[in-house]
Amino acid sequence: MSEYHTVGLQDYQPESGIYDVMWFQWVLGHLPDTDLIAMFKRCLKGIKKNGVIVVKENIARGGFVLDKEDMSVTRSETHFREIFKKAGMRIIKEAWQ
């Protein structure tokens, strides 16, 4: 890793076509749906051909769960699928841990 970006995900603008992998783990709950969709759309432009975006998040049983302490949300699988679709993403592999 040669660079660090000190910017919120809602404002992150990746360079075009430079990443093989973009990994998001336990941070997406801090973005509202509209910011998350917009961020994913920008990230798709940052991925090289055959690159991937990896999402590792906790999953709610249905809808979403709001954490009133840190104001994050835990989304359901269905909710994430809707977000991915709206962002123009497709799922190529899934795994439960």
C-alpha atoms as a PDB file:
ATOM      1  CA  MET A   1       0.000   0.000   0.000  1.00  0.00           C
ATOM      2  CA  SER A   2       1.597   3.218  -1.103  1.00  0.00           C
ATOM      3  CA  GLU A   3      -1.122   5.786  -0.474  1.00  0.00           C
ATOM      4  CA  TYR A   4      -3.446   6.834   2.306  1.00  0.00           C
ATOM      5  CA  HIS A   5      -6.579   8.855   1.651  1.00  0.00           C
ATOM      6  CA  THR A   6      -7.762  10.972   4.564  1.00  0.00           C
ATOM      7  CA  VAL A   7     -11.248  11.712   3.313  1.00  0.00           C
ATOM      8  CA  GLY A   8     -14.701  10.461   4.244  1.00  0.00           C
ATOM      9  CA  LEU A   9     -16.103   7.684   2.057  1.00  0.00           C
ATOM     10  CA  GLN A  10     -18.947   9.963   0.997  1.00  0.00           C
ATOM     11  CA  ASP A  11     -16.340  12.251  -0.640  1.00  0.00           C
ATOM     12  CA  TYR A  12     -13.816   9.661  -1.846  1.00  0.00           C
ATOM     13  CA  GLN A  13     -12.928  10.005  -5.537  1.00  0.00           C
ATOM     14  CA  PRO A  14     -10.701   7.100  -6.654  1.00  0.00           C
ATOM     15  CA  GLU A  15      -8.493   7.516  -9.682  1.00  0.00           C
ATOM     16  CA  SER A  16      -9.854   5.771 -12.748  1.00  0.00           C
ATOM     17  CA  GLY A  17      -8.877   2.143 -13.368  1.00  0.00           C
ATOM     18  CA  ILE A  18      -6.040   1.753 -10.844  1.00  0.00           C
ATOM     19  CA  TYR A  19      -7.320  -0.771  -8.281  1.00  0.00           C
ATOM     20  CA  ASP A  20      -7.388  -4.551  -8.551  1.00  0.00           C
ATOM     21  CA  VAL A  21      -9.332  -4.785  -5.277  1.00  0.00           C
ATOM     22  CA  MET A  22     -11.230  -2.319  -3.113  1.00  0.00           C
ATOM     23  CA  TRP A  23     -12.090  -3.793   0.301  1.00  0.00           C
ATOM     24  CA  PHE A  24     -14.774  -2.351   2.573  1.00  0.00           C
ATOM     25  CA  GLN A  25     -15.136  -3.960   5.989  1.00  0.00           C
ATOM     26  CA  TRP A  26     -17.381  -2.743   8.804  1.00  0.00           C
ATOM     27  CA  VAL A  27     -17.474   0.872   7.616  1.00  0.00           C
ATOM     28  CA  LEU A  28     -20.444   1.057   5.239  1.00  0.00           C
ATOM     29  CA  GLY A  29     -22.976   1.327   8.055  1.00  0.00           C
ATOM     30  CA  HIS A  30     -21.821   4.892   8.613  1.00  0.00           C
ATOM     31  CA  LEU A  31     -23.106   6.043   5.205  1.00  0.00           C
ATOM     32  CA  PRO A  32     -26.750   6.659   4.318  1.00  0.00           C
ATOM     33  CA  ASP A  33     -27.997   4.674   1.313  1.00  0.00           C
ATOM     34  CA  THR A  34     -27.735   7.588  -1.142  1.00  0.00           C
ATOM     35  CA  ASP A  35     -24.084   8.280  -0.218  1.00  0.00           C
ATOM     36  CA  LEU A  36     -23.271   4.567  -0.300  1.00  0.00           C
ATOM     37  CA  ILE A  37     -24.742   4.119  -3.781  1.00  0.00           C
ATOM     38  CA  ALA A  38     -22.896   7.199  -5.069  1.00  0.00           C
ATOM     39  CA  MET A  39     -19.624   5.988  -3.510  1.00  0.00           C
ATOM     40  CA  PHE A  40     -19.961   2.542  -5.094  1.00  0.00           C
ATOM     41  CA  LYS A  41     -20.600   4.144  -8.495  1.00  0.00           C
ATOM     42  CA  ARG A  42     -17.397   6.162  -8.141  1.00  0.00           C
ATOM     43  CA  CYS A  43     -15.468   3.100  -6.955  1.00  0.00           C
ATOM     44  CA  LEU A  44     -16.575   1.080  -9.979  1.00  0.00           C
ATOM     45  CA  LYS A  45     -14.681   3.610 -12.097  1.00  0.00           C
ATOM     46  CA  GLY A  46     -11.584   3.069  -9.951  1.00  0.00           C
ATOM     47  CA  ILE A  47     -11.503  -0.704 -10.505  1.00  0.00           C
ATOM     48  CA  LYS A  48      -9.311  -2.207 -13.226  1.00  0.00           C
ATOM     49  CA  LYS A  49     -10.813  -4.594 -15.758  1.00  0.00           C
ATOM     50  CA  ASN A  50     -11.548  -7.833 -13.848  1.00  0.00           C
ATOM     51  CA  GLY A  51     -11.033  -6.030 -10.529  1.00  0.00           C
ATOM     52  CA  VAL A  52     -13.423  -6.500  -7.620  1.00  0.00           C
ATOM     53  CA  ILE A  53     -15.043  -4.635  -4.775  1.00  0.00           C
ATOM     54  CA  VAL A  54     -15.203  -6.714  -1.598  1.00  0.00           C
ATOM     55  CA  VAL A  55     -17.844  -5.940   1.026  1.00  0.00           C
ATOM     56  CA  LYS A  56     -17.642  -7.527   4.468  1.00  0.00           C
ATOM     57  CA  GLU A  57     -20.370  -6.259   6.763  1.00  0.00           C
ATOM     58  CA  ASN A  58     -22.612  -7.527   9.505  1.00  0.00           C
ATOM     59  CA  ILE A  59     -26.086  -8.416   8.219  1.00  0.00           C
ATOM     60  CA  ALA A  60     -29.458  -7.669   9.829  1.00  0.00           C
ATOM     61  CA  ARG A  61     -32.187 -10.306   9.716  1.00  0.00           C
ATOM     62  CA  GLY A  62     -34.542  -7.926   7.909  1.00  0.00           C
ATOM     63  CA  GLY A  63     -34.619  -4.278   6.867  1.00  0.00           C
ATOM     64  CA  PHE A  64     -31.983  -2.533   8.916  1.00  0.00           C
ATOM     65  CA  VAL A  65     -30.982  -1.974  12.531  1.00  0.00           C
ATOM     66  CA  LEU A  66     -30.008   1.500  13.754  1.00  0.00           C
ATOM     67  CA  ASP A  67     -27.305   1.749  16.413  1.00  0.00           C
ATOM     68  CA  LYS A  68     -28.374   4.831  18.377  1.00  0.00           C
ATOM     69  CA  GLU A  69     -24.990   5.101  20.055  1.00  0.00           C
ATOM     70  CA  ASP A  70     -22.889   5.663  16.917  1.00  0.00           C
ATOM     71  CA  MET A  71     -25.776   6.256  14.453  1.00  0.00           C
ATOM     72  CA  SER A  72     -24.626   3.469  12.135  1.00  0.00           C
ATOM     73  CA  VAL A  73     -26.970   1.039  10.414  1.00  0.00           C
ATOM     74  CA  THR A  74     -26.737  -2.698   9.924  1.00  0.00           C
ATOM     75  CA  ARG A  75     -28.463  -3.548   6.649  1.00  0.00           C
ATOM     76  CA  SER A  76     -30.132  -6.796   5.615  1.00  0.00           C
ATOM     77  CA  GLU A  77     -28.919  -8.936   2.722  1.00  0.00           C
ATOM     78  CA  THR A  78     -31.916  -7.784   0.674  1.00  0.00           C
ATOM     79  CA  HIS A  79     -31.147  -4.149   1.451  1.00  0.00           C
ATOM     80  CA  PHE A  80     -27.517  -4.599   0.334  1.00  0.00           C
ATOM     81  CA  ARG A  81     -28.652  -6.332  -2.865  1.00  0.00           C
ATOM     82  CA  GLU A  82     -30.867  -3.339  -3.692  1.00  0.00           C
ATOM     83  CA  ILE A  83     -27.969  -0.949  -3.063  1.00  0.00           C
ATOM     84  CA  PHE A  84     -25.607  -3.000  -5.240  1.00  0.00           C
ATOM     85  CA  LYS A  85     -28.180  -3.054  -8.046  1.00  0.00           C
ATOM     86  CA  LYS A  86     -28.756   0.711  -7.855  1.00  0.00           C
ATOM     87  CA  ALA A  87     -24.982   1.256  -7.972  1.00  0.00           C
ATOM     88  CA  GLY A  88     -24.652  -0.905 -11.098  1.00  0.00           C
ATOM     89  CA  MET A  89     -22.789  -3.688  -9.316  1.00  0.00           C
ATOM     90  CA  ARG A  90     -23.212  -7.432  -9.651  1.00  0.00           C
ATOM     91  CA  ILE A  91     -22.458 -10.108  -7.100  1.00  0.00           C
ATOM     92  CA  ILE A  92     -19.891 -12.637  -8.270  1.00  0.00           C
ATOM     93  CA  LYS A  93     -19.381 -14.513  -4.997  1.00  0.00           C
ATOM     94  CA  GLU A  94     -20.990 -14.680  -1.563  1.00  0.00           C
ATOM     95  CA  ALA A  95     -19.837 -16.246   1.671  1.00  0.00           C
ATOM     96  CA  TRP A  96     -21.276 -16.348   5.175  1.00  0.00           C
ATOM     97  CA  GLN A  97     -18.878 -16.293   8.081  1.00  0.00           C
END
